[in-house]
Amino acid sequence: MPSVLAIGLELAVTGSKKSSGGSPYVILVLIALVGGFYFLVLRPRSQRQRQARENLRQAKVGDEIATVGGLVGTIVAEDGDRVTVSTGNGTELVFLRQAIGRRLSPDTTAAAPEEPAAESYEDPPPGFDASASTDGAASGDEPEKG
């Protein structure tokens, strides 16, 4: 049984040329895949990163921020690339501007969704057995001793 190396050597010596049978459309498909990957993955990611950097540059005194470490506070002073952040209990910490993870100011936070009114819950949820909650023990009340 001939080895792969022997077969490759024989093909190299004989100089047999096989046509690849490839189509010029393969190159076009590869170019289209690379272009699609760029426009669907890479470009949106770079735009989000650029927007986040711009958002951090615009952080100013009075903005509520969260650092990359999770500290939440308000910017009270700026000095070049350093910002002084005040936490709720009066502690002031100095951070590099790069340590700001995001701004929490009202203009950047999404409004909390409204909770439905209590009147919209007229019926018990599916699978809820109303008869089980009618006795005193199931409702959390202690049974009366008598």
Protein backbone atom coordinates (compact mmCIF):
# COMPACT_ATOMS: atom_id res chain seq x y z
CA MET A 1 0.00 0.00 0.00
CA PRO A 2 1.65 3.22 -1.13
CA SER A 3 1.97 6.06 1.31
CA VAL A 4 0.62 9.54 0.78
CA LEU A 5 4.17 10.87 0.49
CA ALA A 6 4.97 8.39 -2.28
CA ILE A 7 1.85 9.34 -4.23
CA GLY A 8 2.64 13.04 -3.85
CA LEU A 9 6.23 12.47 -4.99
CA GLU A 10 5.06 10.51 -8.02
CA LEU A 11 2.64 13.26 -9.01
CA ALA A 12 5.36 15.87 -8.62
CA VAL A 13 7.85 13.92 -10.76
CA THR A 14 5.44 13.06 -13.54
CA GLY A 15 4.21 16.63 -13.60
CA SER A 16 0.66 15.61 -14.25
CA LYS A 17 -1.58 18.60 -14.31
CA LYS A 18 -5.14 18.25 -13.23
CA SER A 19 -7.57 20.99 -13.95
CA SER A 20 -9.06 22.35 -10.77
CA GLY A 21 -12.48 22.55 -12.34
CA GLY A 22 -13.09 25.62 -10.22
CA SER A 23 -15.44 28.32 -11.27
CA PRO A 24 -14.74 32.03 -11.20
CA TYR A 25 -17.96 32.33 -9.22
CA VAL A 26 -16.24 30.82 -6.16
CA ILE A 27 -14.12 33.95 -5.81
CA LEU A 28 -17.22 36.14 -6.11
CA VAL A 29 -19.00 34.12 -3.44
CA LEU A 30 -16.01 34.44 -1.09
CA ILE A 31 -15.87 38.20 -1.67
CA ALA A 32 -19.61 38.44 -0.99
CA LEU A 33 -19.23 36.45 2.27
CA VAL A 34 -16.39 38.66 3.48
CA GLY A 35 -18.38 41.79 2.57
CA GLY A 36 -21.48 40.49 4.32
CA PHE A 37 -19.47 39.65 7.43
CA TYR A 38 -18.02 43.15 7.44
CA PHE A 39 -21.38 44.91 7.08
CA LEU A 40 -23.30 42.62 9.44
CA VAL A 41 -20.73 42.11 12.22
CA LEU A 42 -17.63 44.28 12.15
CA ARG A 43 -19.07 47.64 11.11
CA PRO A 44 -21.94 47.73 13.66
CA ARG A 45 -19.54 46.72 16.44
CA SER A 46 -17.10 49.51 15.58
CA GLN A 47 -19.96 52.02 15.42
CA ARG A 48 -21.15 50.97 18.90
CA GLN A 49 -17.60 51.30 20.25
CA ARG A 50 -17.19 54.73 18.68
CA GLN A 51 -20.54 55.86 20.15
CA ALA A 52 -19.53 54.57 23.61
CA ARG A 53 -16.19 56.43 23.45
CA GLU A 54 -17.97 59.62 22.40
CA ASN A 55 -20.49 59.19 25.21
CA LEU A 56 -17.67 58.89 27.76
CA ARG A 57 -15.89 61.96 26.39
CA GLN A 58 -19.09 63.95 26.85
CA ALA A 59 -19.46 62.96 30.52
CA LYS A 60 -19.39 66.19 32.49
CA VAL A 61 -19.73 67.46 36.03
CA GLY A 62 -23.11 66.49 37.46
CA ASP A 63 -23.54 63.32 35.38
CA GLU A 64 -24.23 60.10 37.22
CA ILE A 65 -21.87 57.38 36.03
CA ALA A 66 -20.96 53.75 36.65
CA THR A 67 -17.32 52.70 36.51
CA VAL A 68 -16.10 49.50 34.91
CA GLY A 69 -15.64 48.17 38.45
CA GLY A 70 -19.29 48.78 39.30
CA LEU A 71 -18.97 51.92 41.45
CA VAL A 72 -21.87 54.31 40.94
CA GLY A 73 -21.46 57.99 41.65
CA THR A 74 -21.69 61.55 40.38
CA ILE A 75 -18.89 63.46 38.69
CA VAL A 76 -18.03 66.46 40.86
CA ALA A 77 -14.81 67.66 39.20
CA GLU A 78 -12.77 67.18 36.03
CA ASP A 79 -9.04 67.61 35.48
CA GLY A 80 -7.99 66.57 32.00
CA ASP A 81 -8.24 62.80 31.79
CA ARG A 82 -9.12 62.46 35.49
CA VAL A 83 -12.54 62.81 37.04
CA THR A 84 -13.50 63.04 40.70
CA VAL A 85 -16.53 60.91 41.51
CA SER A 86 -18.60 61.39 44.64
CA THR A 87 -20.44 58.41 46.05
CA GLY A 88 -23.62 58.78 48.06
CA ASN A 89 -21.96 58.93 51.47
CA GLY A 90 -19.62 61.85 50.71
CA THR A 91 -16.59 59.84 49.65
CA GLU A 92 -14.80 61.31 46.66
CA LEU A 93 -12.64 59.11 44.46
CA VAL A 94 -10.43 60.07 41.52
CA PHE A 95 -10.70 57.94 38.38
CA LEU A 96 -9.23 58.05 34.94
CA ARG A 97 -11.86 58.92 32.37
CA GLN A 98 -11.22 55.52 30.76
CA ALA A 99 -12.58 53.83 33.89
CA ILE A 100 -16.07 55.21 33.26
CA GLY A 101 -18.16 52.29 32.09
CA ARG A 102 -21.32 54.21 31.19
CA ARG A 103 -23.32 57.30 31.94
CA LEU A 104 -26.46 56.84 34.00
CA SER A 105 -27.83 60.33 33.49
CA PRO A 106 -31.56 60.57 32.72
CA ASP A 107 -30.96 61.31 29.03
CA THR A 108 -29.21 57.95 28.50
CA THR A 109 -31.31 55.64 30.67
CA ALA A 110 -34.39 53.96 29.29
CA ALA A 111 -37.65 54.64 31.06
CA ALA A 112 -38.87 51.73 33.15
CA PRO A 113 -41.83 49.94 31.60
CA GLU A 114 -45.11 50.65 33.29
CA GLU A 115 -46.55 47.87 35.35
CA PRO A 116 -50.08 46.85 34.50
CA ALA A 117 -52.78 48.09 36.82
CA ALA A 118 -54.10 45.74 39.48
CA GLU A 119 -57.51 45.74 37.79
CA SER A 120 -56.07 43.82 34.83
CA TYR A 121 -55.55 40.77 37.07
CA GLU A 122 -59.17 39.71 37.44
CA ASP A 123 -58.74 35.96 36.98
CA PRO A 124 -56.18 33.73 38.70
CA PRO A 125 -53.24 32.66 36.56
CA PRO A 126 -53.52 29.43 34.56
CA GLY A 127 -52.97 26.34 36.69
CA PHE A 128 -53.78 28.13 39.95
CA ASP A 129 -56.10 26.12 42.17
CA ALA A 130 -58.31 28.66 43.92
CA SER A 131 -59.83 26.05 46.22
CA ALA A 132 -56.43 25.30 47.80
CA SER A 133 -56.01 28.89 48.97
CA THR A 134 -59.41 29.13 50.70
CA ASP A 135 -58.32 27.33 53.87
CA GLY A 136 -56.50 29.32 56.54
CA ALA A 137 -53.27 27.28 56.51
CA ALA A 138 -52.60 27.83 52.81
CA SER A 139 -53.00 31.59 53.10
CA GLY A 140 -50.26 31.88 55.71
CA ASP A 141 -52.60 32.47 58.64
CA GLU A 142 -52.22 30.33 61.67
CA PRO A 143 -55.19 28.11 62.41
CA GLU A 144 -57.38 29.28 65.24
CA LYS A 145 -57.07 27.35 68.43
CA GLY A 146 -60.34 26.75 70.00
